[in-house]
N, C-alpha and C. Protein backbone atom coordinates (compact mmCIF):
# COMPACT_ATOMS: atom_id res chain seq x y z
N UNK A 1 0.83 -1.18 0.08
CA UNK A 1 -0.03 0.03 -0.04
C UNK A 1 0.90 1.28 -0.02
N UNK A 2 0.57 2.17 -0.88
CA UNK A 2 1.41 3.41 -0.99
C UNK A 2 0.97 4.51 -0.03
N UNK A 3 1.86 5.24 0.43
CA UNK A 3 1.44 6.40 1.35
C UNK A 3 0.80 7.50 0.55
N UNK A 4 -0.07 8.19 1.14
CA UNK A 4 -0.75 9.28 0.70
C UNK A 4 0.24 10.48 0.81
N UNK A 5 0.29 11.14 -0.35
CA UNK A 5 1.19 12.43 -0.44
C UNK A 5 0.48 13.75 -0.37
N UNK A 6 1.09 14.78 -0.23
CA UNK A 6 0.50 16.07 -0.27
C UNK A 6 -0.10 16.34 -1.61
N UNK A 7 0.47 15.79 -2.72
CA UNK A 7 -0.18 15.89 -4.03
C UNK A 7 -1.48 15.17 -4.13
N UNK A 8 -1.50 13.88 -3.44
CA UNK A 8 -2.79 13.32 -3.34
C UNK A 8 -3.93 14.04 -2.69
N UNK A 9 -3.51 14.69 -1.56
CA UNK A 9 -4.40 15.49 -0.84
C UNK A 9 -4.92 16.71 -1.64
N UNK A 10 -4.10 17.33 -2.37
CA UNK A 10 -4.39 18.51 -3.15
C UNK A 10 -5.32 18.14 -4.27
N UNK A 11 -4.98 16.95 -5.01
CA UNK A 11 -5.88 16.48 -5.99
C UNK A 11 -7.29 16.20 -5.44
N UNK A 12 -7.40 15.53 -4.25
CA UNK A 12 -8.69 15.22 -3.68
C UNK A 12 -9.43 16.52 -3.41
N UNK A 13 -8.71 17.53 -2.84
CA UNK A 13 -9.43 18.81 -2.47
C UNK A 13 -9.93 19.49 -3.83
N UNK A 14 -9.15 19.33 -4.84
CA UNK A 14 -9.53 19.98 -6.14
C UNK A 14 -10.75 19.36 -6.66
N UNK A 15 -10.79 18.00 -6.52
CA UNK A 15 -11.90 17.25 -6.95
C UNK A 15 -13.25 17.59 -6.17
N UNK A 16 -12.94 17.74 -4.83
CA UNK A 16 -14.16 18.15 -4.01
C UNK A 16 -14.68 19.58 -4.33
N UNK A 17 -13.82 20.46 -4.74
CA UNK A 17 -14.10 21.82 -5.00
C UNK A 17 -14.96 21.72 -6.37
N UNK A 18 -14.50 21.07 -7.35
CA UNK A 18 -15.11 20.94 -8.55
C UNK A 18 -16.55 20.34 -8.48
N UNK A 19 -16.55 19.30 -7.61
CA UNK A 19 -17.98 18.65 -7.60
C UNK A 19 -18.86 19.68 -6.78
N UNK A 20 -18.40 20.47 -5.83
CA UNK A 20 -19.13 21.48 -5.14
C UNK A 20 -19.62 22.57 -6.11
N UNK A 21 -18.91 22.92 -7.05
CA UNK A 21 -19.24 23.85 -8.01
C UNK A 21 -20.26 23.35 -9.02
N UNK A 22 -20.59 22.04 -9.03
CA UNK A 22 -21.60 21.54 -9.89
C UNK A 22 -21.04 20.66 -11.03
N UNK A 23 -19.79 20.48 -11.11
CA UNK A 23 -19.12 19.60 -12.06
C UNK A 23 -19.52 18.22 -11.77
N UNK A 24 -19.79 17.45 -12.78
CA UNK A 24 -20.12 15.99 -12.70
C UNK A 24 -18.75 15.17 -12.53
N UNK A 25 -18.88 14.03 -11.88
CA UNK A 25 -17.57 13.13 -11.72
C UNK A 25 -16.99 12.87 -13.09
N UNK A 26 -17.74 12.67 -14.08
CA UNK A 26 -17.22 12.33 -15.45
C UNK A 26 -16.42 13.38 -16.04
N UNK A 27 -16.93 14.68 -15.74
CA UNK A 27 -16.25 15.90 -16.21
C UNK A 27 -14.81 16.05 -15.53
N UNK A 28 -14.96 15.77 -14.21
CA UNK A 28 -13.76 15.98 -13.29
C UNK A 28 -12.71 14.88 -13.82
N UNK A 29 -13.22 13.63 -13.94
CA UNK A 29 -12.37 12.69 -14.34
C UNK A 29 -11.57 12.78 -15.68
N UNK A 30 -12.25 13.21 -16.56
CA UNK A 30 -11.81 13.58 -17.94
C UNK A 30 -10.53 14.50 -17.88
N UNK A 31 -10.68 15.54 -16.97
CA UNK A 31 -9.71 16.60 -16.80
C UNK A 31 -8.49 16.08 -15.99
N UNK A 32 -8.71 15.04 -15.18
CA UNK A 32 -7.66 14.58 -14.28
C UNK A 32 -6.99 13.30 -14.77
N UNK A 33 -7.49 12.71 -15.74
CA UNK A 33 -6.97 11.40 -16.28
C UNK A 33 -7.38 10.17 -15.37
N UNK A 34 -8.63 10.35 -14.71
CA UNK A 34 -9.03 9.33 -13.80
C UNK A 34 -10.37 8.75 -14.42
N UNK A 35 -10.90 7.73 -13.71
CA UNK A 35 -12.23 7.23 -14.09
C UNK A 35 -13.22 8.00 -13.27
N UNK A 36 -14.37 8.12 -13.94
CA UNK A 36 -15.50 8.87 -13.12
C UNK A 36 -15.93 8.00 -11.89
N UNK A 37 -15.84 6.59 -12.01
CA UNK A 37 -16.15 5.88 -10.71
C UNK A 37 -15.11 6.22 -9.63
N UNK A 38 -13.76 6.42 -9.89
CA UNK A 38 -12.89 6.70 -8.91
C UNK A 38 -13.23 8.13 -8.29
N UNK A 39 -13.44 9.10 -9.11
CA UNK A 39 -14.01 10.49 -8.58
C UNK A 39 -15.06 10.41 -7.73
N UNK A 40 -16.20 9.66 -8.06
CA UNK A 40 -17.35 9.50 -7.36
C UNK A 40 -17.04 8.89 -5.94
N UNK A 41 -16.26 7.72 -6.10
CA UNK A 41 -15.95 6.96 -4.83
C UNK A 41 -15.19 7.77 -3.77
N UNK A 42 -14.18 8.47 -4.25
CA UNK A 42 -13.31 9.19 -3.24
C UNK A 42 -14.13 10.39 -2.69
N UNK A 43 -14.76 11.12 -3.52
CA UNK A 43 -15.43 12.29 -3.10
C UNK A 43 -16.66 11.98 -2.21
N UNK A 44 -17.36 10.93 -2.57
CA UNK A 44 -18.43 10.45 -1.66
C UNK A 44 -17.98 9.96 -0.33
N UNK A 45 -16.74 9.26 -0.38
CA UNK A 45 -16.23 8.83 0.84
C UNK A 45 -15.93 9.99 1.83
N UNK A 46 -15.47 11.07 1.31
CA UNK A 46 -15.12 12.19 2.16
C UNK A 46 -16.40 12.77 2.80
N UNK A 47 -17.48 12.71 1.88
CA UNK A 47 -18.76 13.31 2.50
C UNK A 47 -19.29 12.37 3.48
N UNK A 48 -19.27 11.14 3.29
CA UNK A 48 -19.71 10.12 4.30
C UNK A 48 -18.97 10.15 5.56
N UNK A 49 -17.65 10.30 5.46
CA UNK A 49 -16.85 10.47 6.65
C UNK A 49 -17.18 11.70 7.42
N UNK A 50 -17.38 12.85 6.73
CA UNK A 50 -17.81 14.08 7.39
C UNK A 50 -19.17 13.88 8.10
N UNK A 51 -20.13 13.27 7.35
CA UNK A 51 -21.46 12.99 7.96
C UNK A 51 -21.37 12.23 9.23
N UNK A 52 -20.42 11.20 9.25
CA UNK A 52 -20.29 10.43 10.37
C UNK A 52 -19.73 11.16 11.51
N UNK A 53 -18.77 11.96 11.27
CA UNK A 53 -18.22 12.82 12.23
C UNK A 53 -19.09 13.73 12.79
N UNK A 54 -19.91 14.44 11.91
CA UNK A 54 -20.86 15.43 12.41
C UNK A 54 -22.28 14.88 12.98
N UNK A 55 -22.53 13.63 12.61
CA UNK A 55 -23.78 12.97 13.00
C UNK A 55 -24.97 13.61 12.37
N UNK A 56 -24.72 14.09 11.09
CA UNK A 56 -25.83 14.80 10.41
C UNK A 56 -25.73 14.53 8.92
N UNK A 57 -26.81 14.63 8.16
CA UNK A 57 -26.84 14.53 6.70
C UNK A 57 -26.30 15.95 6.18
N UNK A 58 -25.15 15.94 5.63
CA UNK A 58 -24.59 17.02 5.04
C UNK A 58 -24.69 17.10 3.46
N UNK A 59 -25.53 16.31 2.89
CA UNK A 59 -25.52 16.18 1.40
C UNK A 59 -25.83 17.58 0.75
N UNK A 60 -26.59 18.45 1.24
CA UNK A 60 -26.97 19.74 0.76
C UNK A 60 -25.79 20.66 0.78
N UNK A 61 -24.82 20.43 1.65
CA UNK A 61 -23.63 21.33 1.85
C UNK A 61 -22.45 20.92 0.87
N UNK A 62 -22.64 19.74 0.12
CA UNK A 62 -21.65 19.31 -0.70
C UNK A 62 -21.78 19.65 -2.15
N UNK A 63 -22.64 18.91 -2.81
CA UNK A 63 -22.83 19.14 -4.24
C UNK A 63 -24.31 19.02 -4.64
N UNK A 64 -24.63 19.78 -5.78
CA UNK A 64 -26.01 19.77 -6.14
C UNK A 64 -26.44 18.39 -6.73
């Protein structure tokens, strides 16, 4: 298993920002050389983890 780097974190933050701005995972993936499934999975995982930590549904605060 490879360690997560600062570059990985920055890429994930960029994907989250793009999804929050209304971009679809397929659009983000095309620009990053990734699959739309990967973009969906990792960004949804962040949202689920945040919801678990907050104990509330945060879907309205993430993406349209």
